[in-house]
Protein backbone atom coordinates (compact mmCIF):
# COMPACT_ATOMS: atom_id res chain seq x y z
CA MET A 1 115.55 137.38 15.73
CA PHE A 2 114.13 140.88 15.23
CA GLU A 3 115.77 144.11 16.38
CA ARG A 4 113.64 146.29 19.34
CA THR A 5 113.00 149.31 16.75
CA GLU A 6 111.01 147.30 14.35
CA ARG A 7 107.64 147.59 14.86
CA GLY A 8 105.75 144.81 12.69
CA LEU A 9 103.13 142.32 14.28
CA LEU A 10 106.03 139.22 14.75
CA ALA A 11 108.76 141.87 16.21
CA ARG A 12 106.67 143.02 18.50
CA TRP A 13 105.38 139.18 19.25
CA TRP A 14 108.88 138.55 20.18
CA TRP A 15 109.77 141.35 22.30
CA THR A 16 106.58 140.65 24.70
CA VAL A 17 106.00 136.89 24.27
CA ASP A 18 107.61 135.06 27.40
CA ARG A 19 109.77 133.51 25.46
CA PRO A 20 111.42 130.93 27.94
CA LEU A 21 108.01 129.95 28.55
CA LEU A 22 107.70 129.08 24.41
CA GLY A 23 111.49 127.50 24.54
CA VAL A 24 110.13 124.96 27.18
CA PHE A 25 107.17 124.56 25.28
CA GLY A 26 109.00 123.66 22.50
CA LEU A 27 111.24 121.30 24.81
CA LEU A 28 108.09 119.41 26.39
CA ALA A 29 107.16 118.65 21.92
CA MET A 30 110.21 117.43 20.99
CA SER A 31 110.62 115.33 24.14
CA GLY A 32 107.08 113.81 23.53
CA LEU A 33 108.13 113.12 19.66
CA ILE A 34 111.23 111.49 21.32
CA MET A 35 108.86 109.13 23.58
CA VAL A 36 106.19 108.49 21.20
CA PHE A 37 109.00 107.41 19.27
CA ALA A 38 110.77 104.98 21.96
CA SER A 39 106.81 103.47 23.23
CA SER A 40 104.55 103.27 20.05
CA PRO A 41 105.93 100.59 17.62
CA PRO A 42 104.91 97.54 20.01
CA VAL A 43 101.70 99.45 20.15
CA ALA A 44 101.05 99.92 16.25
CA VAL A 45 102.53 96.25 15.98
CA ARG A 46 99.58 94.54 18.41
CA LEU A 47 96.84 96.47 16.62
CA GLY A 48 98.21 95.13 13.68
CA LEU A 49 99.72 99.34 11.96
CA PRO A 50 102.97 99.51 10.65
CA SER A 51 105.40 100.15 13.13
CA TRP A 52 105.73 103.70 12.50
CA HIS A 53 101.99 104.66 12.40
CA PHE A 54 101.97 107.07 15.74
CA VAL A 55 104.73 108.10 15.01
CA THR A 56 104.16 109.27 11.36
CA ARG A 57 100.91 110.44 12.69
CA HIS A 58 102.26 112.57 15.90
CA LEU A 59 104.80 114.13 13.57
CA ILE A 60 101.75 115.42 11.36
CA TYR A 61 100.02 116.26 14.62
CA LEU A 62 102.96 118.63 15.82
CA ALA A 63 102.62 121.24 12.70
CA PRO A 64 99.04 122.18 13.75
CA ALA A 65 99.82 121.98 17.34
CA ALA A 66 103.12 124.50 16.60
CA LEU A 67 101.06 126.98 14.73
CA LEU A 68 98.09 126.84 16.58
CA LEU A 69 100.49 127.61 20.12
CA VAL A 70 101.93 130.40 18.32
CA GLY A 71 98.73 131.80 16.28
CA CYS A 72 97.38 131.96 19.38
CA SER A 73 100.03 133.92 21.03
CA LEU A 74 99.55 136.57 18.47
CA LEU A 75 96.32 137.46 19.49
CA SER A 76 95.48 140.56 21.64
CA PRO A 77 93.34 139.27 24.89
CA ARG A 78 90.06 140.97 22.76
CA GLY A 79 91.14 138.39 20.11
CA VAL A 80 91.59 135.66 22.66
CA TYR A 81 88.26 136.22 24.31
CA ARG A 82 86.66 136.34 20.29
CA ALA A 83 88.24 132.74 19.00
CA ALA A 84 87.21 131.24 22.82
CA ILE A 85 83.95 132.15 21.63
CA ALA A 86 83.85 130.97 18.34
CA LEU A 87 86.14 127.75 19.37
CA LEU A 88 83.66 126.97 22.41
CA ALA A 89 80.30 127.08 20.18
CA VAL A 90 81.47 124.96 17.39
CA SER A 91 82.70 122.44 20.27
CA ILE A 92 79.46 122.38 21.95
CA LEU A 93 77.80 121.59 18.34
CA MET A 94 80.36 118.48 18.10
CA LEU A 95 80.11 117.38 21.48
CA VAL A 96 76.30 117.04 20.48
CA ALA A 97 76.90 115.31 17.30
CA THR A 98 79.08 112.82 19.25
CA LEU A 99 76.31 111.64 21.03
CA ILE A 100 74.63 111.05 17.28
CA ILE A 101 77.23 109.92 15.23
CA GLY A 102 80.37 109.63 16.86
CA LEU A 103 82.07 106.71 17.14
CA GLU A 104 81.77 104.23 19.72
CA ASN A 105 85.15 102.52 21.56
CA ASN A 106 85.39 100.80 25.02
CA GLY A 107 81.78 102.01 26.05
CA SER A 108 82.56 105.44 25.38
CA THR A 109 81.22 107.33 22.55
CA ARG A 110 84.02 110.86 22.58
CA TRP A 111 85.10 110.58 18.97
CA ILE A 112 83.70 112.26 15.35
CA SER A 113 85.78 110.56 12.28
CA PHE A 114 86.88 113.02 9.37
CA GLY A 115 88.31 110.15 7.14
CA SER A 116 91.93 108.67 8.35
CA PHE A 117 91.71 110.93 11.33
CA ALA A 118 89.37 111.65 14.36
CA ILE A 119 88.58 114.54 16.73
CA GLN A 120 87.45 114.74 20.16
CA PRO A 121 85.36 117.96 20.59
CA GLY A 122 85.86 117.36 24.58
CA GLU A 123 89.53 118.73 24.33
CA PHE A 124 88.77 121.83 22.39
CA ALA A 125 85.67 122.30 24.65
CA LYS A 126 88.42 122.85 27.80
CA PRO A 127 90.34 125.77 27.10
CA ALA A 128 87.32 127.70 25.26
CA LEU A 129 85.17 127.47 28.13
CA ILE A 130 87.91 128.34 30.48
CA VAL A 131 88.34 131.97 28.31
CA VAL A 132 84.87 132.49 28.36
CA GLY A 133 84.03 131.84 32.07
CA ALA A 134 86.94 134.18 32.93
CA ALA A 135 85.21 136.93 30.54
CA LEU A 136 81.76 136.42 32.26
CA LEU A 137 83.23 137.13 35.53
CA ALA A 138 85.53 139.90 34.77
CA ARG A 139 82.53 141.75 33.81
CA ALA A 140 80.93 141.98 36.62
CA PRO A 141 82.52 142.97 40.29
CA GLY A 142 83.31 139.53 42.42
CA LEU A 143 81.19 136.41 41.40
CA ASP A 144 78.06 138.88 40.35
CA ASN A 145 78.42 136.25 36.92
CA ALA A 146 78.88 133.54 38.28
CA TRP A 147 75.72 131.97 37.31
CA PRO A 148 76.14 132.22 33.94
CA VAL A 149 79.53 130.32 34.20
CA LEU A 150 78.21 127.78 36.46
CA GLY A 151 75.54 127.00 33.61
CA LEU A 152 77.65 127.38 31.04
CA GLY A 153 80.29 125.12 32.44
CA LEU A 154 77.39 122.43 33.37
CA ILE A 155 76.22 122.12 29.86
CA VAL A 156 79.43 120.82 28.78
CA MET A 157 79.72 118.78 31.79
CA VAL A 158 76.62 116.71 30.87
CA LEU A 159 77.51 116.44 27.32
CA LEU A 160 80.60 115.11 28.53
CA LEU A 161 78.94 112.73 30.75
CA ALA A 162 76.42 111.99 28.42
CA GLN A 163 79.53 110.30 26.48
CA PRO A 164 80.51 109.33 29.47
CA ASP A 165 84.05 110.68 29.69
CA VAL A 166 84.09 111.19 33.78
CA GLY A 167 87.61 112.27 34.24
CA MET A 168 87.34 115.23 31.73
CA ALA A 169 84.08 115.87 33.65
CA LEU A 170 85.49 116.33 36.83
CA MET A 171 88.52 118.54 35.38
CA VAL A 172 86.24 120.92 33.42
CA GLY A 173 84.12 121.44 36.99
CA THR A 174 87.73 121.32 39.52
CA VAL A 175 88.99 124.60 37.08
CA MET A 176 85.99 126.42 37.37
CA GLY A 177 86.24 125.99 40.80
CA VAL A 178 89.61 127.51 40.84
CA GLN A 179 88.64 130.28 38.17
CA LEU A 180 85.79 131.16 40.72
CA PHE A 181 88.18 131.18 43.70
CA VAL A 182 90.52 133.52 41.66
CA ALA A 183 87.34 135.78 41.17
CA GLY A 184 86.97 136.11 45.01
CA LEU A 185 85.01 132.97 45.92
CA PRO A 186 84.94 133.44 49.97
CA TRP A 187 86.60 130.55 52.19
CA LEU A 188 83.56 129.21 53.35
CA LEU A 189 82.52 128.55 50.31
CA VAL A 190 85.31 127.13 48.85
CA LEU A 191 84.51 124.42 51.93
CA GLY A 192 81.45 124.36 50.66
CA ALA A 193 82.76 123.55 46.80
CA LEU A 194 84.95 120.99 48.09
CA LEU A 195 81.90 119.23 49.75
CA LEU A 196 79.82 119.25 46.77
CA SER A 197 83.15 117.59 44.65
CA VAL A 198 82.82 114.60 47.23
CA LEU A 199 79.51 114.63 46.55
CA ILE A 200 79.89 114.25 43.03
CA LEU A 201 82.61 112.14 42.97
CA TRP A 202 79.88 109.10 45.25
CA GLN A 203 77.34 110.27 42.56
CA ALA A 204 79.88 109.23 39.75
CA TYR A 205 80.95 106.04 41.51
CA SER A 206 77.23 105.26 42.29
CA TRP A 207 76.36 106.13 38.51
CA PHE A 208 79.24 104.87 36.19
CA PRO A 209 80.43 101.43 36.58
CA HIS A 210 83.65 102.23 34.46
CA VAL A 211 84.24 104.75 37.75
CA ALA A 212 83.38 102.71 40.41
CA ALA A 213 85.55 99.61 38.96
CA ARG A 214 88.65 101.79 38.50
CA ILE A 215 88.19 103.44 41.62
CA ASP A 216 87.89 99.95 43.66
CA ARG A 217 90.66 98.30 41.58
CA PHE A 218 92.89 101.79 43.06
CA LEU A 219 91.71 100.78 46.58
CA ASP A 220 92.26 97.06 46.25
CA PRO A 221 94.23 96.07 42.88
CA ALA A 222 93.33 92.37 43.76
CA SER A 223 89.37 93.42 43.34
CA GLY A 224 89.85 92.88 39.31
CA ASP A 225 92.23 93.90 36.51
CA HIS A 226 95.29 96.34 37.30
CA TYR A 227 97.54 95.25 34.21
CA GLN A 228 98.12 98.31 32.93
CA VAL A 229 98.82 100.45 35.95
CA GLY A 230 100.23 97.62 37.72
CA LEU A 231 102.91 96.91 34.66
CA ALA A 232 103.66 101.20 34.78
CA LEU A 233 104.36 101.41 38.52
CA LYS A 234 107.01 98.04 37.80
CA ALA A 235 107.97 100.18 35.41
CA VAL A 236 108.49 103.06 37.16
CA LYS A 237 110.17 101.10 39.68
CA SER A 238 112.36 99.52 37.81
CA ALA A 239 113.97 102.63 36.65
CA ALA A 240 117.64 103.03 36.99
CA TRP A 241 119.46 106.50 37.08
CA PHE A 242 119.95 106.51 32.89
CA GLY A 243 117.47 103.51 32.21
CA SER A 244 118.22 100.60 30.03
CA GLY A 245 118.40 102.17 26.75
CA PRO A 246 115.96 103.58 24.22
CA GLY A 247 114.48 101.27 22.64
CA GLU A 248 115.62 98.34 24.82
CA GLY A 249 112.61 98.54 27.29
CA ARG A 250 110.22 95.54 28.04
CA LEU A 251 107.11 96.30 29.62
CA LYS A 252 106.17 98.68 26.79
CA ASN A 253 105.84 95.59 24.74
CA GLN A 254 102.78 94.45 27.55
CA ILE A 255 101.06 97.96 28.03
CA PRO A 256 98.35 98.90 25.89
CA ASP A 257 98.80 102.05 25.85
CA ALA A 258 101.70 102.71 26.23
CA HIS A 259 102.65 105.36 23.87
CA SER A 260 99.54 107.69 25.72
CA ASP A 261 98.11 107.38 28.88
CA PHE A 262 101.56 105.47 30.68
CA VAL A 263 104.15 107.50 28.30
CA PHE A 264 106.00 108.25 31.77
CA ALA A 265 106.17 104.74 32.44
CA VAL A 266 107.99 103.96 29.01
CA ALA A 267 110.23 106.80 29.90
CA ALA A 268 110.68 105.55 33.01
CA GLU A 269 112.00 101.96 31.99
CA GLU A 270 114.12 103.47 28.94
CA PHE A 271 115.72 106.96 29.86
CA GLY A 272 115.67 106.68 33.49
CA LEU A 273 115.22 108.25 36.66
CA ILE A 274 117.33 111.54 35.68
CA ALA A 275 115.38 111.77 32.07
CA CYS A 276 112.12 111.48 34.62
CA LEU A 277 113.18 114.09 36.94
CA LEU A 278 113.97 116.52 33.86
CA LEU A 279 110.51 116.08 32.40
CA ILE A 280 108.86 116.84 35.72
CA GLY A 281 111.34 120.01 36.30
CA LEU A 282 110.32 121.33 32.96
CA PHE A 283 106.64 120.53 33.86
CA SER A 284 107.45 122.54 37.28
CA PHE A 285 108.82 125.49 35.50
CA VAL A 286 106.15 125.75 33.48
CA MET A 287 103.99 126.04 36.25
CA LEU A 288 106.11 128.49 38.24
CA ARG A 289 106.48 131.00 36.02
CA GLY A 290 103.48 130.51 34.79
CA LEU A 291 102.02 131.88 38.18
CA LYS A 292 104.67 133.99 38.06
CA LYS A 293 103.70 135.80 34.87
CA THR A 294 99.72 135.22 36.18
CA GLU A 295 100.55 137.41 39.11
CA LEU A 296 102.14 140.35 37.25
CA VAL A 297 98.94 141.10 34.75
CA SER A 298 96.63 143.83 35.67
CA ASP A 299 93.73 143.06 33.66
CA ARG A 300 90.90 140.92 35.39
CA PHE A 301 90.29 139.21 31.99
CA ALA A 302 93.57 137.79 31.53
CA LEU A 303 94.05 137.51 34.88
CA ILE A 304 91.32 134.70 35.63
CA ALA A 305 91.31 133.23 32.57
CA GLY A 306 95.40 132.78 32.50
CA ALA A 307 94.69 131.38 36.18
CA GLY A 308 92.44 128.72 34.75
CA LEU A 309 94.28 127.69 31.78
CA LEU A 310 97.42 127.28 34.02
CA ALA A 311 95.75 125.47 35.89
CA HIS A 312 94.04 122.87 33.48
CA PHE A 313 97.89 122.00 32.01
CA GLY A 314 99.31 121.37 35.85
CA LEU A 315 96.32 119.42 36.93
CA GLN A 316 96.49 117.43 33.96
CA ALA A 317 100.37 116.51 34.39
CA MET A 318 99.62 116.02 38.27
CA VAL A 319 96.67 113.44 37.41
CA ASN A 320 99.09 111.64 34.36
CA LEU A 321 101.69 111.39 36.67
CA GLY A 322 99.65 110.25 39.71
CA VAL A 323 98.28 107.86 37.93
CA ASN A 324 101.41 106.23 36.18
CA LEU A 325 102.52 106.39 40.34
CA SER A 326 99.81 104.42 41.36
CA VAL A 327 98.87 107.19 43.52
CA LEU A 328 95.38 107.88 41.72
CA PRO A 329 93.12 105.62 39.84
CA ALA A 330 93.37 105.39 36.09
CA THR A 331 91.86 108.22 34.23
CA GLY A 332 92.62 108.37 31.25
CA MET A 333 94.38 111.68 30.65
CA THR A 334 97.41 112.18 28.67
CA LEU A 335 100.54 114.01 29.68
CA PRO A 336 100.58 117.45 28.35
CA PHE A 337 102.82 117.96 25.04
CA ILE A 338 104.14 113.88 25.66
CA SER A 339 101.56 111.71 25.02
CA TYR A 340 100.40 110.74 21.79
CA GLY A 341 97.15 112.18 20.61
CA GLY A 342 96.20 114.49 17.64
CA SER A 343 93.28 116.28 19.62
CA ALA A 344 94.71 116.93 23.14
CA LEU A 345 98.05 117.90 21.26
CA CYS A 346 96.02 120.78 19.08
CA SER A 347 94.42 121.54 22.03
CA MET A 348 96.97 122.08 24.83
CA GLY A 349 98.36 124.28 21.84
CA ILE A 350 95.45 126.10 21.64
CA GLY A 351 95.38 126.58 25.26
CA MET A 352 99.32 127.36 25.92
CA GLY A 353 99.03 129.71 23.23
CA MET A 354 96.15 131.92 24.30
CA PHE A 355 98.17 131.85 28.06
CA LEU A 356 101.40 133.04 26.52
CA ALA A 357 98.74 135.99 25.04
CA LEU A 358 97.33 136.80 27.61
CA THR A 359 100.20 137.24 29.23
CA ARG A 360 102.26 139.32 27.39
CA ARG A 361 104.02 142.80 27.84
CA ARG A 362 101.57 144.95 26.89
CA LEU A 363 99.18 148.13 28.38
CA GLY A 364 95.82 149.70 27.91
CA HIS A 365 94.72 146.00 25.58
CA GLY A 366 92.41 144.05 27.99
CA MET A 367 88.88 143.24 27.95
CA PRO A 368 86.38 146.17 27.98
CA PRO A 369 85.02 147.70 31.40
CA PRO A 370 81.80 145.77 33.07
CA GLY A 371 78.86 146.64 30.63
CA ALA A 372 80.43 147.26 27.70
CA SER A 373 80.47 145.08 24.33
CA PRO A 374 82.93 143.15 23.67
């Protein structure tokens, strides 16, 4: 696309960004469009909407998600940090507003309506918190700045729990734990953090009835409504090598969230085991190449932020696949770049765009040294 001698912004970006990763993100986004095309029409019909309602909206969401991914990947590390501060401030304000004027759905208030579209602020708070937390940790050696990071994370988690969105709050806490480990958390404290996470999970089980119900159904499917997870697992088990063919799936007509939380089950039934393995291969490529790129960065801020953003991507994919395979309780988390959902898609575009920006080949453009102003 560009000569190596060119010095324009796009030319410098093209020769320094990780193009294989960029290409795989594009493949995941195109795969997601195909999966939404295959899974969403029955859902739309059940809701009394036009058959292509979700397909059309997913196409609309893809445009800003792609622009956000490429736009964020053009930033310098300092630009990533500044963008994250602004995004986190706006996200926290919107999380507070969600509790006041948000849309209630199935007993939770997670969305703010803007005309015919709705935004889930919690999705955008995650990548912003990861980057801002990494910047705080990078400004002091070891874990000297751990308390401000924990305090900021606690604010976001409390706002998420107030909605309530326990799954997203636990994801935020887990990714923060990964970042603290990368920053130098001793193994003894790692063990303590694991014990604390068990205690937090127990408290979530005790305080939130819907969490208790999901865990009970996971441990004993006969104890309650296991409808969606049971159908998803049946779809995965019925997957042939090449599936029943596009549009030929039957179980998607019965799964209420076939286009979002359980899109992998639809992929298994219609496109088969080979397609599922290819999809998992794309996620694995992102993780392995992302880890390699993170290992090569010399800037502490880029290292901690990159590890957190990559952990968020990988953990969310693992949780969604685990739910579809019935090895984890239902959480409501989407499959990155595959499931339907505008906020999740745009948020993941921001996060992975920031990851590409932080791992670009450059010298001397990291965060300022400890104590300096940003």
